[in-house]
Amino acid sequence: MLGGFEDNTFRPEKKATRAEAAATIYKLLEALSL
């Protein structure tokens, strides 16, 4: 559901953009079939 960056890293200290947050919520709702 969550992807990393182009260099295959995950940066939990980086703040998510509004678009990234919206995409994550959309993917979660899609996975839950809501």
N, C-alpha and C. Protein backbone atom coordinates (compact mmCIF):
# COMPACT_ATOMS: atom_id res chain seq x y z
N MET A 1 0.83 -1.18 0.00
CA MET A 1 0.00 0.00 0.00
C MET A 1 0.88 1.25 0.00
N LEU A 2 1.90 1.24 0.81
CA LEU A 2 2.80 2.38 0.84
C LEU A 2 4.04 2.07 0.01
N GLY A 3 4.45 3.02 -0.76
CA GLY A 3 5.64 2.83 -1.58
C GLY A 3 6.79 3.65 -1.03
N GLY A 4 7.95 3.32 -1.50
CA GLY A 4 9.13 4.07 -1.09
C GLY A 4 9.46 5.13 -2.13
N PHE A 5 10.69 5.54 -2.11
CA PHE A 5 11.16 6.53 -3.05
C PHE A 5 11.85 5.84 -4.22
N GLU A 6 12.22 6.61 -5.22
CA GLU A 6 12.83 6.05 -6.42
C GLU A 6 14.10 5.27 -6.12
N ASP A 7 14.81 5.64 -5.04
CA ASP A 7 16.03 4.92 -4.68
C ASP A 7 15.76 3.76 -3.73
N ASN A 8 14.48 3.33 -3.66
CA ASN A 8 14.04 2.19 -2.84
C ASN A 8 14.27 2.39 -1.35
N THR A 9 14.16 3.64 -0.89
CA THR A 9 14.28 3.91 0.54
C THR A 9 12.93 4.32 1.09
N PHE A 10 12.80 4.23 2.40
CA PHE A 10 11.60 4.66 3.10
C PHE A 10 12.04 5.73 4.08
N ARG A 11 11.38 6.87 4.09
CA ARG A 11 11.81 8.00 4.92
C ARG A 11 10.67 8.41 5.85
N PRO A 12 10.53 7.73 6.99
CA PRO A 12 9.41 8.05 7.89
C PRO A 12 9.49 9.44 8.50
N GLU A 13 10.67 10.06 8.51
CA GLU A 13 10.80 11.40 9.09
C GLU A 13 10.34 12.49 8.12
N LYS A 14 10.18 12.14 6.84
CA LYS A 14 9.72 13.11 5.83
C LYS A 14 8.21 13.30 5.96
N LYS A 15 7.78 14.53 5.98
CA LYS A 15 6.35 14.81 6.06
C LYS A 15 5.68 14.46 4.73
N ALA A 16 4.51 13.86 4.82
CA ALA A 16 3.76 13.50 3.62
C ALA A 16 3.07 14.73 3.05
N THR A 17 2.99 14.80 1.74
CA THR A 17 2.26 15.88 1.10
C THR A 17 0.77 15.56 1.15
N ARG A 18 -0.03 16.53 0.86
CA ARG A 18 -1.48 16.33 0.84
C ARG A 18 -1.86 15.27 -0.20
N ALA A 19 -1.20 15.29 -1.34
CA ALA A 19 -1.48 14.31 -2.40
C ALA A 19 -1.08 12.90 -1.95
N GLU A 20 0.05 12.76 -1.27
CA GLU A 20 0.48 11.45 -0.78
C GLU A 20 -0.49 10.92 0.27
N ALA A 21 -0.95 11.79 1.16
CA ALA A 21 -1.91 11.38 2.18
C ALA A 21 -3.22 10.95 1.54
N ALA A 22 -3.68 11.71 0.56
CA ALA A 22 -4.94 11.37 -0.12
C ALA A 22 -4.81 10.03 -0.85
N ALA A 23 -3.68 9.79 -1.50
CA ALA A 23 -3.47 8.53 -2.21
C ALA A 23 -3.44 7.36 -1.23
N THR A 24 -2.84 7.55 -0.07
CA THR A 24 -2.78 6.49 0.94
C THR A 24 -4.17 6.17 1.46
N ILE A 25 -4.96 7.19 1.76
CA ILE A 25 -6.33 6.98 2.24
C ILE A 25 -7.16 6.29 1.17
N TYR A 26 -7.01 6.71 -0.07
CA TYR A 26 -7.74 6.09 -1.17
C TYR A 26 -7.40 4.61 -1.29
N LYS A 27 -6.10 4.29 -1.23
CA LYS A 27 -5.68 2.89 -1.34
C LYS A 27 -6.19 2.06 -0.17
N LEU A 28 -6.22 2.65 1.02
CA LEU A 28 -6.73 1.94 2.19
C LEU A 28 -8.21 1.64 2.03
N LEU A 29 -8.99 2.63 1.62
CA LEU A 29 -10.43 2.42 1.42
C LEU A 29 -10.69 1.41 0.31
N GLU A 30 -9.88 1.46 -0.73
CA GLU A 30 -10.01 0.51 -1.83
C GLU A 30 -9.71 -0.91 -1.35
N ALA A 31 -8.69 -1.06 -0.52
CA ALA A 31 -8.33 -2.38 0.01
C ALA A 31 -9.41 -2.92 0.94
N LEU A 32 -10.09 -2.03 1.65
CA LEU A 32 -11.17 -2.44 2.55
C LEU A 32 -12.50 -2.58 1.83
N SER A 33 -12.50 -2.30 0.54
CA SER A 33 -13.71 -2.36 -0.30
C SER A 33 -14.81 -1.43 0.21
N LEU A 34 -14.42 -0.22 0.58
CA LEU A 34 -15.40 0.78 1.03
C LEU A 34 -15.66 1.81 -0.05
